Amino acid sequence: MGALPAADPGDIWFDMEGIQDSVAGTKLEYLFGACYREAPEGKPRFKGWWAHNETEEKTAFAAWVDWVEARRRSHPGLHVYHYAAYEKTAMRRLAQQHATREAEIDNWLRSGLLVDLLPVVTSAIVLGEPSYSIKKVELLYGAAPGGGDQRRRFGGGLLALAALR
């Protein structure tokens, strides 16, 4: 856990959800979601940007990036925590595919803004499961798979990992 940066009141826990269209050979990122706090001890909040098609995907992606950039202005020390390489790879692909926010994503990737929690978890615990997927890790603290409200299902695992800091 010592590999994590110092906590910042502006920290964000981020996840993306996508679906592959095997017929068309395309992928749609349909949810960009963030858990965050308005105040250091405040309740976690969830904000989602949804997409139902490629045009909405571009709009949602740009809105997500703009939201993070605005939050960075008021919290310059914040980090965006994610789990595994999917988010970094998808953000790079989306910036190029839609020719938008490329400079911001490049800056995020180079600056250390994005923090992958998977290496922290794999070096800190022995899971006793064949995989370190976030769904398997959630079982450690008793999260019911698919249960609870949207915020809990989406960000509960990442918030629990952050609380271990």
N, C-alpha and C. Protein backbone atom coordinates (compact mmCIF):
# COMPACT_ATOMS: atom_id res chain seq x y z
N MET A 1 0.81 -1.19 0.00
CA MET A 1 0.00 0.00 0.00
C MET A 1 0.86 1.26 0.00
N GLY A 2 2.12 1.12 0.37
CA GLY A 2 3.01 2.26 0.37
C GLY A 2 3.28 2.81 -1.02
N ALA A 3 2.93 2.06 -2.04
CA ALA A 3 3.16 2.52 -3.42
C ALA A 3 2.11 3.54 -3.87
N LEU A 4 1.07 3.71 -3.08
CA LEU A 4 0.02 4.65 -3.46
C LEU A 4 0.43 6.08 -3.16
N PRO A 5 0.00 7.01 -3.99
CA PRO A 5 0.28 8.42 -3.70
C PRO A 5 -0.51 8.87 -2.46
N ALA A 6 -0.10 9.99 -1.89
CA ALA A 6 -0.83 10.54 -0.74
C ALA A 6 -2.27 10.84 -1.15
N ALA A 7 -3.18 10.59 -0.23
CA ALA A 7 -4.59 10.86 -0.50
C ALA A 7 -4.80 12.35 -0.71
N ASP A 8 -5.73 12.68 -1.57
CA ASP A 8 -6.09 14.07 -1.86
C ASP A 8 -7.61 14.17 -1.81
N PRO A 9 -8.15 15.25 -1.27
CA PRO A 9 -9.62 15.38 -1.20
C PRO A 9 -10.30 15.32 -2.57
N GLY A 10 -9.56 15.56 -3.63
CA GLY A 10 -10.14 15.52 -4.96
C GLY A 10 -10.04 14.19 -5.67
N ASP A 11 -9.46 13.18 -5.02
CA ASP A 11 -9.25 11.88 -5.66
C ASP A 11 -10.54 11.34 -6.28
N ILE A 12 -10.35 10.61 -7.37
CA ILE A 12 -11.46 10.03 -8.14
C ILE A 12 -11.19 8.54 -8.32
N TRP A 13 -12.23 7.73 -8.17
CA TRP A 13 -12.15 6.30 -8.46
C TRP A 13 -12.98 6.07 -9.71
N PHE A 14 -12.35 5.55 -10.74
CA PHE A 14 -12.92 5.55 -12.08
C PHE A 14 -13.04 4.14 -12.65
N ASP A 15 -14.11 3.92 -13.39
CA ASP A 15 -14.30 2.67 -14.10
C ASP A 15 -15.03 2.98 -15.40
N MET A 16 -14.79 2.15 -16.38
CA MET A 16 -15.48 2.24 -17.66
C MET A 16 -16.12 0.89 -17.94
N GLU A 17 -17.22 0.94 -18.64
CA GLU A 17 -17.87 -0.28 -19.10
C GLU A 17 -18.07 -0.18 -20.60
N GLY A 18 -17.80 -1.27 -21.28
CA GLY A 18 -17.94 -1.30 -22.72
C GLY A 18 -18.56 -2.60 -23.18
N ILE A 19 -18.99 -2.60 -24.43
CA ILE A 19 -19.57 -3.81 -25.01
C ILE A 19 -19.02 -3.96 -26.43
N GLN A 20 -18.64 -5.18 -26.73
CA GLN A 20 -18.08 -5.50 -28.04
C GLN A 20 -19.20 -5.93 -28.97
N ASP A 21 -19.21 -5.39 -30.17
CA ASP A 21 -20.12 -5.84 -31.22
C ASP A 21 -19.32 -6.77 -32.11
N SER A 22 -19.48 -8.06 -31.90
CA SER A 22 -18.66 -9.03 -32.63
C SER A 22 -19.01 -9.09 -34.12
N VAL A 23 -20.21 -8.68 -34.49
CA VAL A 23 -20.60 -8.68 -35.89
C VAL A 23 -19.91 -7.53 -36.62
N ALA A 24 -20.02 -6.33 -36.05
CA ALA A 24 -19.43 -5.14 -36.69
C ALA A 24 -17.94 -5.00 -36.39
N GLY A 25 -17.48 -5.71 -35.36
CA GLY A 25 -16.07 -5.60 -34.98
C GLY A 25 -15.74 -4.29 -34.31
N THR A 26 -16.74 -3.69 -33.65
CA THR A 26 -16.53 -2.41 -32.97
C THR A 26 -16.78 -2.57 -31.48
N LYS A 27 -16.39 -1.57 -30.75
CA LYS A 27 -16.62 -1.56 -29.32
C LYS A 27 -17.23 -0.23 -28.94
N LEU A 28 -18.22 -0.26 -28.07
CA LEU A 28 -18.84 0.95 -27.56
C LEU A 28 -18.57 1.04 -26.07
N GLU A 29 -17.95 2.13 -25.65
CA GLU A 29 -17.78 2.40 -24.23
C GLU A 29 -19.05 3.13 -23.81
N TYR A 30 -19.91 2.42 -23.06
CA TYR A 30 -21.23 2.97 -22.79
C TYR A 30 -21.35 3.65 -21.43
N LEU A 31 -20.34 3.49 -20.55
CA LEU A 31 -20.40 4.15 -19.25
C LEU A 31 -19.01 4.58 -18.82
N PHE A 32 -18.90 5.85 -18.49
CA PHE A 32 -17.72 6.41 -17.84
C PHE A 32 -18.22 6.81 -16.47
N GLY A 33 -17.69 6.20 -15.43
CA GLY A 33 -18.23 6.47 -14.10
C GLY A 33 -17.16 6.85 -13.11
N ALA A 34 -17.51 7.73 -12.21
CA ALA A 34 -16.56 8.22 -11.21
C ALA A 34 -17.21 8.21 -9.83
N CYS A 35 -16.47 7.70 -8.86
CA CYS A 35 -16.81 7.88 -7.45
C CYS A 35 -15.85 8.92 -6.91
N TYR A 36 -16.37 9.82 -6.11
CA TYR A 36 -15.56 10.91 -5.58
C TYR A 36 -16.25 11.44 -4.34
N ARG A 37 -15.59 12.34 -3.65
CA ARG A 37 -16.17 12.99 -2.48
C ARG A 37 -16.13 14.49 -2.69
N GLU A 38 -17.18 15.17 -2.25
CA GLU A 38 -17.18 16.63 -2.30
C GLU A 38 -16.35 17.21 -1.17
N ALA A 39 -16.30 16.50 -0.04
CA ALA A 39 -15.50 16.92 1.12
C ALA A 39 -14.72 15.71 1.59
N PRO A 40 -13.57 15.92 2.25
CA PRO A 40 -12.72 14.78 2.65
C PRO A 40 -13.47 13.68 3.40
N GLU A 41 -14.37 14.03 4.28
CA GLU A 41 -15.11 13.02 5.05
C GLU A 41 -16.54 12.83 4.53
N GLY A 42 -16.83 13.42 3.40
CA GLY A 42 -18.18 13.34 2.84
C GLY A 42 -18.51 11.96 2.31
N LYS A 43 -19.78 11.75 2.08
CA LYS A 43 -20.23 10.48 1.51
C LYS A 43 -19.74 10.37 0.07
N PRO A 44 -19.43 9.15 -0.35
CA PRO A 44 -19.05 8.97 -1.76
C PRO A 44 -20.21 9.33 -2.67
N ARG A 45 -19.88 9.97 -3.76
CA ARG A 45 -20.87 10.31 -4.78
C ARG A 45 -20.50 9.58 -6.06
N PHE A 46 -21.50 9.36 -6.88
CA PHE A 46 -21.29 8.71 -8.17
C PHE A 46 -21.75 9.64 -9.27
N LYS A 47 -20.95 9.74 -10.31
CA LYS A 47 -21.33 10.52 -11.49
C LYS A 47 -21.04 9.64 -12.69
N GLY A 48 -22.02 9.52 -13.56
CA GLY A 48 -21.86 8.69 -14.75
C GLY A 48 -22.15 9.45 -16.02
N TRP A 49 -21.40 9.10 -17.05
CA TRP A 49 -21.61 9.65 -18.39
C TRP A 49 -21.94 8.46 -19.28
N TRP A 50 -23.14 8.44 -19.84
CA TRP A 50 -23.65 7.30 -20.58
C TRP A 50 -23.62 7.53 -22.08
N ALA A 51 -23.49 6.45 -22.83
CA ALA A 51 -23.51 6.51 -24.29
C ALA A 51 -24.29 5.32 -24.83
N HIS A 52 -25.08 5.58 -25.87
CA HIS A 52 -25.84 4.51 -26.52
C HIS A 52 -25.40 4.28 -27.96
N ASN A 53 -24.52 5.16 -28.44
CA ASN A 53 -24.01 5.03 -29.80
C ASN A 53 -22.66 5.75 -29.87
N GLU A 54 -22.03 5.71 -31.03
CA GLU A 54 -20.69 6.27 -31.17
C GLU A 54 -20.66 7.79 -30.96
N THR A 55 -21.68 8.47 -31.42
CA THR A 55 -21.74 9.93 -31.23
C THR A 55 -21.83 10.27 -29.74
N GLU A 56 -22.69 9.57 -29.03
CA GLU A 56 -22.82 9.79 -27.59
C GLU A 56 -21.56 9.37 -26.85
N GLU A 57 -20.88 8.33 -27.35
CA GLU A 57 -19.62 7.90 -26.74
C GLU A 57 -18.60 9.04 -26.78
N LYS A 58 -18.49 9.69 -27.93
CA LYS A 58 -17.55 10.82 -28.06
C LYS A 58 -17.92 11.94 -27.09
N THR A 59 -19.21 12.25 -27.02
CA THR A 59 -19.68 13.31 -26.13
C THR A 59 -19.42 12.95 -24.67
N ALA A 60 -19.73 11.71 -24.29
CA ALA A 60 -19.52 11.27 -22.90
C ALA A 60 -18.05 11.27 -22.54
N PHE A 61 -17.21 10.79 -23.44
CA PHE A 61 -15.77 10.76 -23.20
C PHE A 61 -15.24 12.18 -23.00
N ALA A 62 -15.61 13.09 -23.89
CA ALA A 62 -15.15 14.48 -23.79
C ALA A 62 -15.65 15.12 -22.49
N ALA A 63 -16.89 14.85 -22.12
CA ALA A 63 -17.45 15.41 -20.88
C ALA A 63 -16.72 14.87 -19.66
N TRP A 64 -16.38 13.58 -19.67
CA TRP A 64 -15.62 12.98 -18.57
C TRP A 64 -14.26 13.65 -18.43
N VAL A 65 -13.54 13.80 -19.53
CA VAL A 65 -12.22 14.42 -19.50
C VAL A 65 -12.34 15.86 -19.01
N ASP A 66 -13.32 16.59 -19.50
CA ASP A 66 -13.50 17.98 -19.09
C ASP A 66 -13.82 18.08 -17.60
N TRP A 67 -14.62 17.14 -17.09
CA TRP A 67 -14.95 17.13 -15.66
C TRP A 67 -13.70 16.91 -14.82
N VAL A 68 -12.87 15.95 -15.22
CA VAL A 68 -11.62 15.70 -14.48
C VAL A 68 -10.73 16.94 -14.53
N GLU A 69 -10.60 17.54 -15.70
CA GLU A 69 -9.75 18.73 -15.82
C GLU A 69 -10.26 19.87 -14.93
N ALA A 70 -11.56 20.07 -14.86
CA ALA A 70 -12.13 21.10 -13.99
C ALA A 70 -11.84 20.77 -12.53
N ARG A 71 -11.97 19.51 -12.18
CA ARG A 71 -11.71 19.08 -10.79
C ARG A 71 -10.23 19.26 -10.46
N ARG A 72 -9.36 19.01 -11.42
CA ARG A 72 -7.91 19.19 -11.20
C ARG A 72 -7.58 20.65 -10.88
N ARG A 73 -8.32 21.57 -11.46
CA ARG A 73 -8.05 22.99 -11.18
C ARG A 73 -8.30 23.32 -9.71
N SER A 74 -9.30 22.70 -9.10
CA SER A 74 -9.57 22.95 -7.69
C SER A 74 -8.86 21.97 -6.76
N HIS A 75 -8.36 20.87 -7.30
CA HIS A 75 -7.63 19.86 -6.52
C HIS A 75 -6.41 19.42 -7.32
N PRO A 76 -5.37 20.24 -7.39
CA PRO A 76 -4.23 19.92 -8.26
C PRO A 76 -3.49 18.63 -7.89
N GLY A 77 -3.67 18.14 -6.67
CA GLY A 77 -2.99 16.91 -6.26
C GLY A 77 -3.80 15.65 -6.42
N LEU A 78 -4.95 15.75 -7.05
CA LEU A 78 -5.81 14.56 -7.16
C LEU A 78 -5.18 13.51 -8.07
N HIS A 79 -5.64 12.28 -7.87
CA HIS A 79 -5.30 11.17 -8.75
C HIS A 79 -6.59 10.49 -9.18
N VAL A 80 -6.51 9.80 -10.30
CA VAL A 80 -7.64 9.02 -10.80
C VAL A 80 -7.24 7.56 -10.65
N TYR A 81 -7.92 6.86 -9.75
CA TYR A 81 -7.64 5.46 -9.47
C TYR A 81 -8.52 4.58 -10.36
N HIS A 82 -7.91 3.55 -10.91
CA HIS A 82 -8.64 2.59 -11.74
C HIS A 82 -8.06 1.22 -11.43
N TYR A 83 -8.67 0.19 -11.96
CA TYR A 83 -8.25 -1.18 -11.65
C TYR A 83 -7.95 -1.92 -12.95
N ALA A 84 -6.68 -2.20 -13.19
CA ALA A 84 -6.17 -2.89 -14.37
C ALA A 84 -5.98 -1.91 -15.53
N ALA A 85 -5.50 -2.43 -16.64
CA ALA A 85 -5.06 -1.57 -17.75
C ALA A 85 -6.18 -1.13 -18.69
N TYR A 86 -7.36 -1.67 -18.51
CA TYR A 86 -8.45 -1.40 -19.45
C TYR A 86 -8.70 0.09 -19.66
N GLU A 87 -8.81 0.83 -18.56
CA GLU A 87 -9.17 2.25 -18.67
C GLU A 87 -8.11 3.05 -19.42
N LYS A 88 -6.84 2.82 -19.11
CA LYS A 88 -5.78 3.54 -19.82
C LYS A 88 -5.81 3.24 -21.31
N THR A 89 -5.93 1.98 -21.64
CA THR A 89 -5.96 1.56 -23.04
C THR A 89 -7.17 2.15 -23.76
N ALA A 90 -8.33 2.07 -23.12
CA ALA A 90 -9.56 2.57 -23.74
C ALA A 90 -9.52 4.09 -23.91
N MET A 91 -9.00 4.81 -22.92
CA MET A 91 -8.94 6.27 -23.05
C MET A 91 -8.02 6.68 -24.20
N ARG A 92 -6.90 6.01 -24.33
CA ARG A 92 -5.97 6.30 -25.43
C ARG A 92 -6.66 6.03 -26.77
N ARG A 93 -7.35 4.89 -26.86
CA ARG A 93 -8.05 4.53 -28.09
C ARG A 93 -9.16 5.54 -28.42
N LEU A 94 -9.94 5.93 -27.42
CA LEU A 94 -11.04 6.86 -27.66
C LEU A 94 -10.54 8.23 -28.08
N ALA A 95 -9.48 8.72 -27.46
CA ALA A 95 -8.93 10.03 -27.83
C ALA A 95 -8.51 10.02 -29.30
N GLN A 96 -7.88 8.92 -29.72
CA GLN A 96 -7.44 8.82 -31.12
C GLN A 96 -8.62 8.59 -32.06
N GLN A 97 -9.49 7.67 -31.70
CA GLN A 97 -10.64 7.33 -32.55
C GLN A 97 -11.54 8.54 -32.81
N HIS A 98 -11.78 9.33 -31.77
CA HIS A 98 -12.68 10.47 -31.89
C HIS A 98 -11.94 11.78 -32.14
N ALA A 99 -10.61 11.72 -32.19
CA ALA A 99 -9.79 12.93 -32.39
C ALA A 99 -10.20 14.04 -31.44
N THR A 100 -10.29 13.69 -30.16
CA THR A 100 -10.66 14.67 -29.14
C THR A 100 -9.92 14.38 -27.84
N ARG A 101 -9.55 15.42 -27.15
CA ARG A 101 -8.91 15.37 -25.83
C ARG A 101 -7.60 14.58 -25.84
N GLU A 102 -6.95 14.52 -26.98
CA GLU A 102 -5.69 13.76 -27.09
C GLU A 102 -4.60 14.36 -26.21
N ALA A 103 -4.48 15.67 -26.16
CA ALA A 103 -3.44 16.31 -25.34
C ALA A 103 -3.68 16.03 -23.86
N GLU A 104 -4.93 16.08 -23.43
CA GLU A 104 -5.24 15.82 -22.03
C GLU A 104 -4.90 14.38 -21.65
N ILE A 105 -5.31 13.43 -22.48
CA ILE A 105 -5.03 12.02 -22.19
C ILE A 105 -3.53 11.77 -22.20
N ASP A 106 -2.82 12.34 -23.15
CA ASP A 106 -1.36 12.20 -23.18
C ASP A 106 -0.75 12.74 -21.88
N ASN A 107 -1.23 13.89 -21.44
CA ASN A 107 -0.74 14.46 -20.18
C ASN A 107 -1.04 13.54 -19.01
N TRP A 108 -2.25 13.00 -18.95
CA TRP A 108 -2.62 12.10 -17.86
C TRP A 108 -1.70 10.88 -17.83
N LEU A 109 -1.44 10.31 -19.00
CA LEU A 109 -0.62 9.10 -19.07
C LEU A 109 0.83 9.38 -18.68
N ARG A 110 1.33 10.54 -19.01
CA ARG A 110 2.73 10.88 -18.71
C ARG A 110 2.94 11.41 -17.29
N SER A 111 1.92 12.03 -16.73
CA SER A 111 2.09 12.74 -15.46
C SER A 111 1.90 11.88 -14.22
N GLY A 112 1.38 10.68 -14.37
CA GLY A 112 1.11 9.85 -13.20
C GLY A 112 -0.24 10.14 -12.57
N LEU A 113 -1.09 10.88 -13.26
CA LEU A 113 -2.43 11.18 -12.75
C LEU A 113 -3.22 9.88 -12.54
N LEU A 114 -3.06 8.94 -13.48
CA LEU A 114 -3.80 7.68 -13.42
C LEU A 114 -3.01 6.67 -12.58
N VAL A 115 -3.69 6.08 -11.60
CA VAL A 115 -3.05 5.12 -10.70
C VAL A 115 -3.78 3.79 -10.82
N ASP A 116 -3.06 2.78 -11.29
CA ASP A 116 -3.62 1.44 -11.44
C ASP A 116 -3.52 0.71 -10.11
N LEU A 117 -4.65 0.31 -9.55
CA LEU A 117 -4.67 -0.36 -8.25
C LEU A 117 -4.37 -1.85 -8.34
N LEU A 118 -4.44 -2.45 -9.53
CA LEU A 118 -4.18 -3.88 -9.64
C LEU A 118 -2.80 -4.28 -9.13
N PRO A 119 -1.71 -3.61 -9.53
CA PRO A 119 -0.40 -4.01 -9.00
C PRO A 119 -0.29 -3.84 -7.48
N VAL A 120 -0.98 -2.86 -6.94
CA VAL A 120 -0.97 -2.66 -5.49
C VAL A 120 -1.65 -3.84 -4.81
N VAL A 121 -2.80 -4.25 -5.34
CA VAL A 121 -3.54 -5.36 -4.76
C VAL A 121 -2.75 -6.66 -4.89
N THR A 122 -2.21 -6.94 -6.07
CA THR A 122 -1.51 -8.22 -6.26
C THR A 122 -0.25 -8.32 -5.42
N SER A 123 0.36 -7.19 -5.08
CA SER A 123 1.56 -7.26 -4.24
C SER A 123 1.22 -7.20 -2.75
N ALA A 124 -0.02 -6.83 -2.41
CA ALA A 124 -0.38 -6.66 -1.00
C ALA A 124 -1.13 -7.84 -0.41
N ILE A 125 -1.85 -8.61 -1.23
CA ILE A 125 -2.66 -9.69 -0.69
C ILE A 125 -2.55 -10.95 -1.54
N VAL A 126 -2.79 -12.08 -0.88
CA VAL A 126 -2.95 -13.34 -1.59
C VAL A 126 -4.44 -13.61 -1.57
N LEU A 127 -5.03 -13.65 -2.72
CA LEU A 127 -6.48 -13.68 -2.83
C LEU A 127 -7.08 -15.08 -2.62
N GLY A 128 -6.38 -16.11 -3.04
CA GLY A 128 -6.95 -17.44 -2.95
C GLY A 128 -8.01 -17.69 -4.01
N GLU A 129 -7.95 -16.97 -5.08
CA GLU A 129 -8.86 -17.10 -6.22
C GLU A 129 -8.01 -17.22 -7.47
N PRO A 130 -8.55 -17.78 -8.54
CA PRO A 130 -7.76 -17.91 -9.77
C PRO A 130 -7.52 -16.58 -10.48
N SER A 131 -8.21 -15.53 -10.05
CA SER A 131 -8.09 -14.24 -10.73
C SER A 131 -8.12 -13.13 -9.69
N TYR A 132 -7.53 -12.00 -10.05
CA TYR A 132 -7.58 -10.80 -9.21
C TYR A 132 -8.57 -9.78 -9.79
N SER A 133 -9.59 -10.26 -10.48
CA SER A 133 -10.59 -9.33 -11.01
C SER A 133 -11.22 -8.58 -9.84
N ILE A 134 -11.70 -7.39 -10.10
CA ILE A 134 -12.29 -6.57 -9.04
C ILE A 134 -13.45 -7.31 -8.38
N LYS A 135 -14.17 -8.11 -9.14
CA LYS A 135 -15.30 -8.85 -8.57
C LYS A 135 -14.83 -9.90 -7.56
N LYS A 136 -13.67 -10.50 -7.81
CA LYS A 136 -13.11 -11.46 -6.85
C LYS A 136 -12.59 -10.74 -5.61
N VAL A 137 -11.96 -9.59 -5.80
CA VAL A 137 -11.43 -8.82 -4.67
C VAL A 137 -12.58 -8.33 -3.79
N GLU A 138 -13.70 -7.94 -4.40
CA GLU A 138 -14.85 -7.46 -3.63
C GLU A 138 -15.34 -8.51 -2.64
N LEU A 139 -15.16 -9.78 -2.96
CA LEU A 139 -15.61 -10.84 -2.05
C LEU A 139 -14.87 -10.80 -0.72
N LEU A 140 -13.67 -10.22 -0.70
CA LEU A 140 -12.91 -10.12 0.55
C LEU A 140 -13.62 -9.31 1.61
N TYR A 141 -14.35 -8.30 1.22
CA TYR A 141 -15.00 -7.46 2.22
C TYR A 141 -16.51 -7.63 2.20
N GLY A 142 -16.98 -8.69 1.57
CA GLY A 142 -18.37 -9.07 1.66
C GLY A 142 -19.33 -8.37 0.73
N ALA A 143 -18.85 -7.79 -0.35
CA ALA A 143 -19.75 -7.16 -1.31
C ALA A 143 -20.55 -8.25 -2.01
N ALA A 144 -21.84 -8.06 -2.08
CA ALA A 144 -22.68 -9.03 -2.78
C ALA A 144 -22.60 -8.75 -4.27
N PRO A 145 -22.22 -9.76 -5.07
CA PRO A 145 -22.13 -9.54 -6.52
C PRO A 145 -23.46 -9.05 -7.08
N GLY A 146 -23.41 -7.90 -7.77
CA GLY A 146 -24.60 -7.36 -8.41
C GLY A 146 -25.62 -6.75 -7.47
N GLY A 147 -25.32 -6.73 -6.17
CA GLY A 147 -26.28 -6.19 -5.22
C GLY A 147 -26.09 -4.71 -4.98
N GLY A 148 -27.02 -4.13 -4.27
CA GLY A 148 -26.89 -2.73 -3.88
C GLY A 148 -27.27 -1.76 -4.98
N ASP A 149 -27.10 -0.49 -4.66
CA ASP A 149 -27.45 0.53 -5.65
C ASP A 149 -26.33 0.68 -6.67
N GLN A 150 -26.56 1.51 -7.66
CA GLN A 150 -25.60 1.69 -8.76
C GLN A 150 -24.24 2.13 -8.24
N ARG A 151 -24.24 3.06 -7.29
CA ARG A 151 -22.99 3.58 -6.76
C ARG A 151 -22.20 2.46 -6.08
N ARG A 152 -22.86 1.64 -5.30
CA ARG A 152 -22.18 0.54 -4.60
C ARG A 152 -21.64 -0.47 -5.60
N ARG A 153 -22.48 -0.87 -6.55
CA ARG A 153 -22.04 -1.86 -7.54
C ARG A 153 -20.86 -1.33 -8.33
N PHE A 154 -20.92 -0.06 -8.71
CA PHE A 154 -19.89 0.50 -9.56
C PHE A 154 -18.60 0.76 -8.80
N GLY A 155 -18.68 1.49 -7.72
CA GLY A 155 -17.46 1.98 -7.09
C GLY A 155 -17.14 1.41 -5.74
N GLY A 156 -17.97 0.55 -5.22
CA GLY A 156 -17.73 0.02 -3.89
C GLY A 156 -16.38 -0.64 -3.74
N GLY A 157 -15.99 -1.43 -4.73
CA GLY A 157 -14.70 -2.11 -4.67
C GLY A 157 -13.54 -1.15 -4.66
N LEU A 158 -13.58 -0.16 -5.52
CA LEU A 158 -12.48 0.80 -5.57
C LEU A 158 -12.44 1.66 -4.33
N LEU A 159 -13.60 2.03 -3.78
CA LEU A 159 -13.60 2.82 -2.55
C LEU A 159 -13.08 2.00 -1.38
N ALA A 160 -13.42 0.73 -1.34
CA ALA A 160 -12.91 -0.12 -0.27
C ALA A 160 -11.40 -0.25 -0.36
N LEU A 161 -10.88 -0.41 -1.56
CA LEU A 161 -9.43 -0.48 -1.72
C LEU A 161 -8.77 0.82 -1.28
N ALA A 162 -9.38 1.94 -1.61
CA ALA A 162 -8.82 3.23 -1.22
C ALA A 162 -8.84 3.38 0.30
N ALA A 163 -9.86 2.84 0.95
CA ALA A 163 -9.96 2.95 2.40
C ALA A 163 -8.86 2.17 3.10
N LEU A 164 -8.29 1.18 2.44
CA LEU A 164 -7.20 0.40 3.04
C LEU A 164 -5.92 1.20 3.17
N ARG A 165 -5.83 2.35 2.48
CA ARG A 165 -4.61 3.16 2.52
C ARG A 165 -4.35 3.59 3.91
